[in-house]
Amino acid sequence: MTTPFGPQLIGQTEKTLNALLDTALGDRLSEPQWVTLRLAHQLEGQLASAEDLAREVADRARFADVDALVDGLTAAGLIEQGHLSARGGALYSEIQAEVAGLAAPLFADLPEADVAATTRVLNEVLTRARAVLS
């Protein structure tokens, strides 16, 4: 059965992709911890402090108690002043490689035009949803 485009399809896709992510994370990190490390990596050079990282995580991921999340990753030696530590960077790279390996077959042969259209639509939905929430 094909699910029509909308919240249900997006939600089912997210849940299924999260299950793949959980496979890669194993018992090393929780999803919120992974997302926080990933944002620290993506925003490298744009953040001045742990508070900046927490603000970005709260805005983008909508996790509860982002300060405790960032503090926990800092205490674990994975983040230093809002940036990936050497240990955090190594763990990020290791997990990212595993995620890429799991995800590659899912996206490998999708038509470029379909990927471009889907990217535009999902970014527009994300923008509108953020506007509703703000």
Foldseek 3Di string as FASTA:
>chain_A
DDDDDDDVVVVVVVVVLVVQLCVLCPPPDDPLLLVLLVVLVVCPPPDQFLVRSLVVSCLPVVDPPSVVSSVVCVVVVQDDRSHGDPVVVVVNVSSVVSSCVVCCVVPVPDDPVVVVVVVVVVVVVVVVVSVVVD
